[in-house]
Every structure is written in C-alpha cells, then in structure tokens.
Amino acid sequence: MQAGVKQKTTIPFWRDERILKILGQVVFIIGLLFAGSIIWKNMQAGLAKQGITLSFQFLKSIAGFDISEMLIEYTRESSYWQAYQVGLLNTLSVSIVGVIASTMLGVILGVSRLSTNFLINRLAAFYLELMRNLSLLVFLIFWYLGVFLKLPKVKEAIIWNGNIFLTNRGVGIPWGIPTASYPTFRLILLIGIILAVIVFFALRAYSKRTGKAPLTTLWTLLTFIIVAVIGWYVLPEKPLTLDVTRVEGLRITGGKILSPEFLALTSGLVLYTSAFIGEVVRSGIQSVSKGQVEAAHALGLSKFKTLRLIVFPQALRVIIPPLTSQYLNLIKNSSLAIAVGYPDVFYVSNTVLNQTGRAVEMISMVMLTYLIFSLITSILMNWYNAKIKLVER
C-alpha cells in the first residue's frame, strides 16, 4: 500500500442511514400487521360469541324489498347482490352528473368572480361565500323539502315548453324508446367515439408540430356529432322513438321521470361543490402573471382567446390538484343521499344490513366501493395533471 493513502473504513450497519431507513419501514409494516391481526382476532371472537361467521353467501339470497329508482332490471325476487348493483349504479350516475355539472358551473363562477362588471362580480362573490359556509347536509334537506317537494301536485303541474312537467312527484321530460335499429346505432356511436379520439390526438400532434392552436375540443365533438347524425338518418328506422310525459290520474307517466330525490341530491351537490370549484378556478387564474395577459392583448388577442389560449392552459397546473380533491369530496358526499331518500349504494346497503345483520360485510363493501371510485378519480386526474404540468429544462 502506498504511503499517504488512507484505508477506506466501512460504516457499521447500525449507523448506516440507508439501512436504518429500510429497517424503520420494515418495523413499521410489522407493527401495522400485528395491530391488524389483533383487531381481526377480536372481531372474529366477538362475532363467534353471537354465532356469526364472516361470509358473503347471503348476497345470493332473495332481497325481498323494492327500490324506487334503478338503471338495471330489479324486482323483489332479485338477490341482495343485484340490489347492491342497483345502488352502486345510482351512486355512479349521481357522481358523474355531479362532477360534469359542478365543473361547468364552477368555471363560470370562477371567471365571473374576476369580472370587471360590478353586478356579476358581486353576485358571484355572494353565491360563493353563501354556499361555502353552509352545512351540506342541512342544505340538501332544505333543498329537498323546501324546493322539490313544494312543487305543484300532479293535477296542477307546471308544464314548460309543452313537454316538460314539473310536479312534486318528479320532473317529466321527453325520452327516447329504443327500436329494432338501436343496436346498430350503438355500433355507429362507438365508431364515432373512435374517430373522435383519432381527431383529438391528430390535432394535438398538429398543434405541437406547428405551434398553432386549433379548436381541438370543438372539432373532436363535431366529429362524434357528425357520425351520430349520419348514422341516425342512414338507418332505415330511427333508433329511438320519442316518448313524451303525460298525466294519467294522480301520476305522470311516459318519457323520463326524474324523481325529487335524484334532483335534490344531484342539484344540491352541484350547487354546493361548484362554489368550491369556483374559488379554485379563481385562484388558478390569478396565479397567472399579468404580464402574460398584457402580452396577449398587445398581440391583438381578444379577451376570450386570451383566456382560452394563454390564461387557462397555465392556470390548469394550479387548478387540477385542488380540483381533484373537490371531485373526491363530491363522490363521497353522495352518501348523504340517505337524508333525502335516494337509493344510492349506502342507502341500499343499509337496508340489506338491517335485514341480514351482516354489518361487517356490508360496511366493508361500501367502504371498498367508495375507495375504488376515489382511486379511479385520482388516477385519471393525476394522469391529466402529469400531461399538462410544466416541464422545466
């Protein structure tokens, strides 16, 4: 060994930070598993004293109860599992409609909050402050009892535009009834979706290559609409026949009847969540430097083009993370449907629980359902956030 060259010393493993970090994580996981095993054993012991064993076989039994609203076929003779599916789809429908509608209204409120028009600005500010300081549960109950159940009786229904009936039994709107050509039309719609996706990515690639900003969303929607319209008129028989709402005795039939429970829950969630989304949009727009707006105006861009091409693309990087949280809140808040009597997944599972006594199984299924919904939403929003994030060089 040459003189002056020091021998490299080895760090003992009990002082190596890399090893200590790994050991800390291993110890934490072991402790977590140990605590979980204790809880599991205690739960099994408690159930054993009551003569109950964990099993999901009861889901095959006949439900024996009615559900007021359903998107799939269901009767009293259906199984508990089919009843749970009905509630799950009801929750999914409220969540999807709520997310789309609250986003649209939230963007309008956020932009209005920054309007130079005094009246629009003040009205938007009043709405945002009012809704954000209300209790959602109290608001839903008020919205259901004080608005939708106070609509006129069936015989005194408010008829709007000749085909829309507003009553305390629900709101009836015209609806389409499938005909023999409907399966073919669905295939045409699928082709339209595929072509719309191709147009979307083609325009995105064109924008990156040329630096121009085509109306990607508009042309994507137009592609789907054009294919759908062509398919509608090419088929020998119309895929859908219009069924209008009408009054028969003390009830309304025909068309699509939107129940007061569904309307109260969905509109209540939209009005409430849109206020928070409006604040998110406002803060996102304000995060964009004023110099960007001034430069756009100097180039001759209109206010709308400045908002669409300059401000919003940059603001989205700030908007998306908190917007994801608002979507998750809306999905989980849909469990308040039980307050207005809407048969969502929690409402249906509560009925099954009362009939079977299977509390652990049903609550576990409900928790897993909301967890899956939330994870899917987070994955989609995180993917979109990664696509629009600013790449630094």
Protein backbone atom coordinates (compact mmCIF):
# COMPACT_ATOMS: atom_id res chain seq x y z
CA MET A 1 0.00 0.00 0.00
CA GLN A 2 1.38 3.40 -0.96
CA ALA A 3 2.19 5.85 1.76
CA GLY A 4 -0.29 8.64 2.37
CA VAL A 5 -3.29 6.63 1.04
CA LYS A 6 -5.83 6.10 3.80
CA GLN A 7 -7.66 2.83 4.03
CA LYS A 8 -11.43 3.19 3.37
CA THR A 9 -13.40 2.44 6.52
CA THR A 10 -16.71 0.56 6.38
CA ILE A 11 -19.69 2.15 8.20
CA PRO A 12 -21.32 -0.28 10.65
CA PHE A 13 -24.85 -1.22 9.58
CA TRP A 14 -26.36 0.18 12.78
CA ARG A 15 -25.04 3.61 11.76
CA ASP A 16 -25.78 3.39 8.02
CA GLU A 17 -28.70 5.72 7.26
CA ARG A 18 -29.73 3.73 4.19
CA ILE A 19 -30.08 0.51 6.17
CA LEU A 20 -31.75 2.29 9.10
CA LYS A 21 -34.41 3.74 6.78
CA ILE A 22 -35.20 0.30 5.39
CA LEU A 23 -35.27 -1.25 8.87
CA GLY A 24 -37.60 1.52 10.07
CA GLN A 25 -40.06 0.79 7.27
CA VAL A 26 -39.90 -2.95 7.93
CA VAL A 27 -40.56 -2.42 11.64
CA PHE A 28 -43.49 -0.12 10.85
CA ILE A 29 -45.06 -2.68 8.48
CA ILE A 30 -44.59 -5.47 11.04
CA GLY A 31 -46.21 -3.32 13.72
CA LEU A 32 -49.08 -2.46 11.39
CA LEU A 33 -49.66 -6.12 10.55
CA PHE A 34 -49.51 -7.05 14.24
CA ALA A 35 -52.10 -4.40 15.16
CA GLY A 36 -54.29 -5.54 12.28
CA SER A 37 -54.11 -9.17 13.38
CA ILE A 38 -55.21 -8.19 16.90
CA ILE A 39 -58.19 -6.26 15.54
CA TRP A 40 -59.09 -9.17 13.25
CA LYS A 41 -58.94 -11.74 16.05
CA ASN A 42 -61.02 -9.55 18.36
CA MET A 43 -63.63 -9.07 15.65
CA GLN A 44 -63.79 -12.82 14.95
CA ALA A 45 -64.11 -13.56 18.66
CA GLY A 46 -66.94 -11.05 19.02
CA LEU A 47 -68.78 -12.46 16.01
CA ALA A 48 -68.27 -16.03 17.25
CA LYS A 49 -69.99 -15.17 20.55
CA GLN A 50 -73.03 -14.09 18.51
CA GLY A 51 -72.86 -17.25 16.38
CA ILE A 52 -71.89 -15.30 13.24
CA THR A 53 -69.14 -16.22 10.78
CA LEU A 54 -67.86 -13.92 8.06
CA SER A 55 -69.35 -14.90 4.70
CA PHE A 56 -70.72 -13.25 1.59
CA GLN A 57 -73.02 -16.13 0.67
CA PHE A 58 -76.02 -14.12 1.87
CA LEU A 59 -75.67 -11.92 -1.24
CA LYS A 60 -77.25 -14.77 -3.24
CA SER A 61 -80.43 -14.72 -1.13
CA ILE A 62 -83.64 -13.04 -2.27
CA ALA A 63 -83.73 -9.36 -1.31
CA GLY A 64 -87.48 -9.08 -0.80
CA PHE A 65 -87.62 -5.27 -0.89
CA ASP A 66 -88.36 -2.69 -3.57
CA ILE A 67 -86.06 0.05 -4.85
CA SER A 68 -87.70 3.19 -6.16
CA GLU A 69 -85.10 4.00 -8.84
CA MET A 70 -82.91 1.69 -10.88
CA LEU A 71 -80.80 1.67 -14.02
CA ILE A 72 -80.89 -2.12 -14.41
CA GLU A 73 -83.69 -4.65 -14.10
CA TYR A 74 -84.58 -5.38 -10.48
CA THR A 75 -87.58 -6.88 -8.63
CA ARG A 76 -88.33 -8.03 -5.09
CA GLU A 77 -87.28 -11.53 -6.17
CA SER A 78 -83.80 -10.35 -7.13
CA SER A 79 -80.78 -11.12 -4.96
CA TYR A 80 -79.07 -8.87 -2.46
CA TRP A 81 -76.14 -8.63 -4.86
CA GLN A 82 -78.41 -7.29 -7.62
CA ALA A 83 -79.85 -4.78 -5.15
CA TYR A 84 -76.33 -3.67 -4.30
CA GLN A 85 -75.56 -3.24 -8.00
CA VAL A 86 -78.63 -1.00 -8.36
CA GLY A 87 -77.39 1.22 -5.53
CA LEU A 88 -73.88 1.26 -6.95
CA LEU A 89 -75.08 2.41 -10.38
CA ASN A 90 -77.28 5.05 -8.77
CA THR A 91 -74.26 6.41 -6.90
CA LEU A 92 -72.22 6.33 -10.09
CA SER A 93 -74.87 8.23 -12.06
CA VAL A 94 -75.12 10.97 -9.39
CA SER A 95 -71.32 11.23 -9.21
CA ILE A 96 -70.79 11.51 -12.98
CA VAL A 97 -73.57 14.06 -13.50
CA GLY A 98 -72.42 15.97 -10.42
CA VAL A 99 -68.78 16.15 -11.49
CA ILE A 100 -69.61 17.37 -15.01
CA ALA A 101 -72.25 19.92 -13.96
CA SER A 102 -70.32 21.27 -10.97
CA THR A 103 -67.22 21.74 -13.14
CA MET A 104 -69.13 23.74 -15.74
CA LEU A 105 -70.87 25.90 -13.13
CA GLY A 106 -67.66 26.27 -11.12
CA VAL A 107 -65.71 27.57 -14.11
CA ILE A 108 -68.46 30.11 -14.84
CA LEU A 109 -68.46 31.23 -11.19
CA GLY A 110 -64.68 31.46 -11.05
CA VAL A 111 -64.48 33.60 -14.18
CA SER A 112 -67.45 35.71 -13.04
CA ARG A 113 -65.72 36.35 -9.73
CA LEU A 114 -62.95 38.12 -11.66
CA SER A 115 -65.29 40.01 -13.99
CA THR A 116 -64.90 43.78 -14.25
CA ASN A 117 -68.70 44.05 -14.28
CA PHE A 118 -69.64 45.10 -10.74
CA LEU A 119 -73.01 43.32 -10.64
CA ILE A 120 -71.69 40.00 -12.00
CA ASN A 121 -68.66 40.15 -9.70
CA ARG A 122 -70.73 40.86 -6.56
CA LEU A 123 -73.37 38.23 -7.34
CA ALA A 124 -70.69 35.59 -7.89
CA ALA A 125 -68.92 36.61 -4.67
CA PHE A 126 -72.19 36.45 -2.69
CA TYR A 127 -73.00 32.99 -4.06
CA LEU A 128 -69.53 31.62 -3.35
CA GLU A 129 -69.47 32.92 0.22
CA LEU A 130 -73.01 31.73 0.91
CA MET A 131 -72.59 28.17 -0.35
CA ARG A 132 -69.12 27.64 1.11
CA ASN A 133 -70.38 28.50 4.60
CA LEU A 134 -73.44 26.24 4.58
CA SER A 135 -73.68 22.72 6.00
CA LEU A 136 -74.14 20.35 3.07
CA LEU A 137 -76.47 18.01 4.99
CA VAL A 138 -78.72 20.88 6.09
CA PHE A 139 -78.68 22.34 2.59
CA LEU A 140 -79.69 19.04 0.98
CA ILE A 141 -82.60 18.57 3.40
CA PHE A 142 -83.77 22.16 2.81
CA TRP A 143 -83.36 21.78 -0.96
CA TYR A 144 -85.42 18.57 -0.92
CA LEU A 145 -88.19 19.60 1.48
CA GLY A 146 -88.33 23.30 0.65
CA VAL A 147 -87.98 23.21 -3.14
CA PHE A 148 -88.74 19.93 -4.91
CA LEU A 149 -91.46 18.68 -2.58
CA LYS A 150 -93.09 22.12 -2.75
CA LEU A 151 -93.66 21.88 -6.49
CA PRO A 152 -97.34 21.68 -7.55
CA LYS A 153 -99.34 18.47 -7.38
CA VAL A 154 -99.73 16.35 -10.50
CA LYS A 155 -103.10 17.83 -11.48
CA GLU A 156 -101.64 21.32 -11.09
CA ALA A 157 -98.34 20.52 -12.80
CA ILE A 158 -96.27 23.28 -14.29
CA ILE A 159 -95.91 22.48 -17.99
CA TRP A 160 -92.89 24.12 -19.59
CA ASN A 161 -92.39 24.20 -23.34
CA GLY A 162 -95.34 21.81 -23.74
CA ASN A 163 -93.39 18.63 -22.89
CA ILE A 164 -91.68 19.16 -19.53
CA PHE A 165 -93.81 18.56 -16.43
CA LEU A 166 -92.76 19.92 -13.04
CA THR A 167 -94.55 18.28 -10.10
CA ASN A 168 -93.84 17.18 -6.53
CA ARG A 169 -93.81 13.59 -7.85
CA GLY A 170 -90.90 14.36 -10.12
CA VAL A 171 -89.95 16.17 -13.30
CA GLY A 172 -91.02 14.51 -16.53
CA ILE A 173 -89.03 15.12 -19.71
CA PRO A 174 -89.30 13.62 -23.23
CA TRP A 175 -87.24 10.46 -23.64
CA GLY A 176 -86.30 8.05 -26.39
CA ILE A 177 -87.52 4.44 -26.59
CA PRO A 178 -85.12 2.04 -28.41
CA THR A 179 -86.29 0.46 -31.65
CA ALA A 180 -85.00 -2.54 -33.63
CA SER A 181 -82.22 -0.45 -35.23
CA TYR A 182 -80.88 0.79 -31.88
CA PRO A 183 -78.14 -1.92 -31.55
CA THR A 184 -76.77 -0.89 -34.96
CA PHE A 185 -76.88 2.74 -33.93
CA ARG A 186 -74.86 1.95 -30.81
CA LEU A 187 -72.19 0.42 -33.04
CA ILE A 188 -72.18 3.63 -35.12
CA LEU A 189 -71.76 5.68 -31.94
CA LEU A 190 -68.78 3.52 -30.98
CA ILE A 191 -67.22 4.21 -34.38
CA GLY A 192 -67.89 7.92 -33.81
CA ILE A 193 -66.06 7.80 -30.48
CA ILE A 194 -63.06 6.07 -32.08
CA LEU A 195 -62.90 8.65 -34.89
CA ALA A 196 -63.26 11.49 -32.38
CA VAL A 197 -60.31 10.14 -30.38
CA ILE A 198 -58.24 9.91 -33.58
CA VAL A 199 -59.11 13.52 -34.47
CA PHE A 200 -58.24 14.65 -30.94
CA PHE A 201 -54.75 13.16 -30.96
CA ALA A 202 -54.14 14.23 -34.58
CA LEU A 203 -54.95 17.85 -33.71
CA ARG A 204 -52.80 17.66 -30.58
CA ALA A 205 -49.87 16.43 -32.67
CA TYR A 206 -50.52 19.15 -35.25
CA SER A 207 -50.54 21.79 -32.51
CA LYS A 208 -47.20 20.60 -31.10
CA ARG A 209 -45.63 20.42 -34.56
CA THR A 210 -46.78 23.80 -35.89
CA GLY A 211 -47.31 25.83 -32.73
CA LYS A 212 -50.84 26.69 -33.83
CA ALA A 213 -53.82 26.17 -31.52
CA PRO A 214 -56.74 24.53 -33.34
CA LEU A 215 -60.09 24.16 -31.58
CA THR A 216 -59.28 20.60 -30.56
CA THR A 217 -62.25 20.07 -28.25
CA LEU A 218 -64.71 21.60 -30.72
CA TRP A 219 -63.54 19.51 -33.66
CA THR A 220 -63.48 16.36 -31.53
CA LEU A 221 -67.10 16.89 -30.51
CA LEU A 222 -68.12 17.81 -34.05
CA THR A 223 -66.59 14.58 -35.38
CA PHE A 224 -68.67 12.50 -32.98
CA ILE A 225 -71.83 14.53 -33.64
CA ILE A 226 -71.45 14.30 -37.44
CA VAL A 227 -71.03 10.49 -37.30
CA ALA A 228 -74.03 10.20 -34.96
CA VAL A 229 -76.23 12.38 -37.20
CA ILE A 230 -75.24 10.46 -40.34
CA GLY A 231 -75.98 7.17 -38.58
CA TRP A 232 -79.34 8.46 -37.41
CA TYR A 233 -80.53 9.32 -40.92
CA VAL A 234 -78.83 6.44 -42.79
CA LEU A 235 -80.59 3.69 -40.84
CA PRO A 236 -83.93 2.56 -42.34
CA GLU A 237 -85.66 3.05 -38.99
CA LYS A 238 -84.96 5.70 -36.40
CA PRO A 239 -83.03 4.15 -33.47
CA LEU A 240 -85.24 5.92 -30.92
CA THR A 241 -88.86 6.97 -30.86
CA LEU A 242 -89.81 9.97 -28.77
CA ASP A 243 -91.94 9.25 -25.72
CA VAL A 244 -93.44 12.33 -24.06
CA THR A 245 -94.63 12.75 -20.50
CA ARG A 246 -98.37 12.83 -19.81
CA VAL A 247 -100.69 12.95 -16.82
CA GLU A 248 -102.72 9.82 -16.04
CA GLY A 249 -104.88 10.23 -12.98
CA LEU A 250 -102.76 11.13 -9.99
CA ARG A 251 -99.44 10.29 -11.58
CA ILE A 252 -97.27 11.23 -14.53
CA THR A 253 -96.13 8.58 -16.99
CA GLY A 254 -94.15 8.37 -20.19
CA GLY A 255 -90.85 9.94 -21.06
CA LYS A 256 -88.23 10.04 -18.31
CA ILE A 257 -89.38 10.83 -14.77
CA LEU A 258 -86.63 12.39 -12.67
CA SER A 259 -87.56 11.84 -9.04
CA PRO A 260 -87.46 14.66 -6.47
CA GLU A 261 -84.85 12.65 -4.55
CA PHE A 262 -82.49 12.38 -7.51
CA LEU A 263 -82.95 16.03 -8.47
CA ALA A 264 -82.50 17.27 -4.90
CA LEU A 265 -79.34 15.24 -4.32
CA THR A 266 -77.71 15.92 -7.69
CA SER A 267 -78.53 19.62 -7.90
CA GLY A 268 -77.66 20.13 -4.23
CA LEU A 269 -74.24 18.54 -4.68
CA VAL A 270 -73.66 20.57 -7.85
CA LEU A 271 -74.61 23.89 -6.28
CA TYR A 272 -72.51 23.20 -3.19
CA THR A 273 -69.41 21.77 -4.88
CA SER A 274 -69.39 24.36 -7.69
CA ALA A 275 -68.80 27.10 -5.10
CA PHE A 276 -65.55 25.45 -4.02
CA ILE A 277 -64.57 24.77 -7.63
CA GLY A 278 -65.27 28.42 -8.42
CA GLU A 279 -62.75 29.50 -5.79
CA VAL A 280 -60.23 27.01 -7.15
CA VAL A 281 -60.68 28.38 -10.68
CA ARG A 282 -60.42 31.98 -9.44
CA SER A 283 -57.16 31.32 -7.59
CA GLY A 284 -55.77 29.42 -10.58
CA ILE A 285 -56.50 32.29 -12.96
CA GLN A 286 -55.00 34.83 -10.57
CA SER A 287 -51.81 32.75 -10.35
CA VAL A 288 -51.04 33.57 -13.99
CA SER A 289 -48.77 36.56 -14.35
CA LYS A 290 -50.44 39.77 -15.50
CA GLY A 291 -47.61 40.18 -17.98
CA GLN A 292 -48.95 37.16 -19.87
CA VAL A 293 -52.34 38.82 -20.27
CA GLU A 294 -50.81 42.16 -21.28
CA ALA A 295 -48.63 40.44 -23.87
CA ALA A 296 -51.67 38.65 -25.30
CA HIS A 297 -53.58 41.92 -25.57
CA ALA A 298 -50.56 43.53 -27.22
CA LEU A 299 -50.68 40.80 -29.86
CA GLY A 300 -54.31 41.67 -30.56
CA LEU A 301 -55.94 38.64 -28.93
CA SER A 302 -59.50 39.11 -27.68
CA LYS A 303 -60.40 38.53 -24.03
CA PHE A 304 -61.93 35.16 -24.84
CA LYS A 305 -58.89 33.99 -26.82
CA THR A 306 -56.58 35.28 -24.10
CA LEU A 307 -58.50 33.27 -21.51
CA ARG A 308 -58.65 30.14 -23.67
CA LEU A 309 -55.15 30.15 -25.16
CA ILE A 310 -52.98 31.94 -22.59
CA VAL A 311 -54.54 32.07 -19.14
CA PHE A 312 -56.40 28.78 -18.77
CA PRO A 313 -53.64 26.43 -20.01
CA GLN A 314 -51.29 27.92 -17.43
CA ALA A 315 -53.91 28.13 -14.70
CA LEU A 316 -54.77 24.43 -15.08
CA ARG A 317 -51.45 23.49 -13.49
CA VAL A 318 -52.63 25.22 -10.33
CA ILE A 319 -56.31 24.24 -10.65
CA ILE A 320 -56.08 20.46 -11.18
CA PRO A 321 -54.66 19.30 -7.79
CA PRO A 322 -57.31 21.04 -5.61
CA LEU A 323 -59.96 20.27 -8.23
CA THR A 324 -59.24 16.57 -7.73
CA SER A 325 -59.99 16.97 -4.03
CA GLN A 326 -63.34 18.59 -4.84
CA TYR A 327 -64.26 15.71 -7.15
CA LEU A 328 -63.41 13.23 -4.39
CA ASN A 329 -65.48 15.23 -1.91
CA LEU A 330 -68.48 15.20 -4.26
CA ILE A 331 -68.28 11.44 -4.78
CA LYS A 332 -68.04 10.75 -1.05
CA ASN A 333 -70.69 13.35 -0.18
CA SER A 334 -73.14 11.48 -2.41
CA SER A 335 -73.53 9.09 0.56
CA LEU A 336 -75.74 11.83 2.09
CA ALA A 337 -78.42 10.56 -0.33
CA ILE A 338 -79.91 8.71 2.64
CA ALA A 339 -81.01 12.11 4.03
CA VAL A 340 -83.34 12.68 1.06
CA GLY A 341 -84.33 9.05 0.49
CA TYR A 342 -82.41 8.44 -2.74
CA PRO A 343 -81.43 4.74 -3.10
CA ASP A 344 -77.68 5.05 -3.53
CA VAL A 345 -75.20 2.34 -2.58
CA PHE A 346 -75.15 3.38 1.09
CA TYR A 347 -78.95 3.53 1.30
CA VAL A 348 -79.36 0.09 -0.26
CA SER A 349 -76.57 -1.48 1.80
CA ASN A 350 -78.15 -0.10 4.97
CA THR A 351 -81.42 -1.84 4.05
CA VAL A 352 -79.55 -5.11 3.38
CA LEU A 353 -77.70 -4.72 6.68
CA ASN A 354 -80.96 -4.30 8.62
CA GLN A 355 -82.47 -7.39 7.02
CA THR A 356 -79.45 -9.70 7.29
CA GLY A 357 -77.50 -8.35 10.24
CA ARG A 358 -74.31 -8.59 8.16
CA ALA A 359 -72.81 -5.32 9.34
CA VAL A 360 -69.12 -6.13 8.81
CA GLU A 361 -69.59 -7.45 5.29
CA MET A 362 -71.88 -4.65 4.10
CA ILE A 363 -69.87 -1.80 5.59
CA SER A 364 -66.71 -3.33 4.12
CA MET A 365 -68.33 -3.48 0.68
CA VAL A 366 -69.45 0.15 0.92
CA MET A 367 -66.00 1.30 2.04
CA LEU A 368 -64.38 -0.65 -0.80
CA THR A 369 -66.82 0.83 -3.32
CA TYR A 370 -66.07 4.42 -2.35
CA LEU A 371 -62.36 3.62 -2.20
CA ILE A 372 -62.43 2.27 -5.76
CA PHE A 373 -64.40 5.29 -7.03
CA SER A 374 -61.95 7.65 -5.34
CA LEU A 375 -58.86 5.81 -6.60
CA ILE A 376 -60.13 5.77 -10.19
CA THR A 377 -60.86 9.51 -9.99
CA SER A 378 -57.42 10.21 -8.52
CA ILE A 379 -55.65 8.12 -11.15
CA LEU A 380 -57.43 9.89 -14.02
CA MET A 381 -56.84 13.36 -12.58
CA ASN A 382 -53.19 12.62 -11.74
CA TRP A 383 -52.67 11.35 -15.29
CA TYR A 384 -54.16 14.55 -16.69
CA ASN A 385 -52.12 16.65 -14.26
CA ALA A 386 -48.94 14.93 -15.43
CA LYS A 387 -49.86 15.64 -19.06
CA ILE A 388 -50.23 19.39 -18.54
CA LYS A 389 -47.52 20.03 -15.97
CA LEU A 390 -44.75 22.46 -16.82
CA VAL A 391 -41.59 20.64 -17.96
CA GLU A 392 -38.52 22.55 -16.84
CA ARG A 393 -35.27 22.37 -18.79
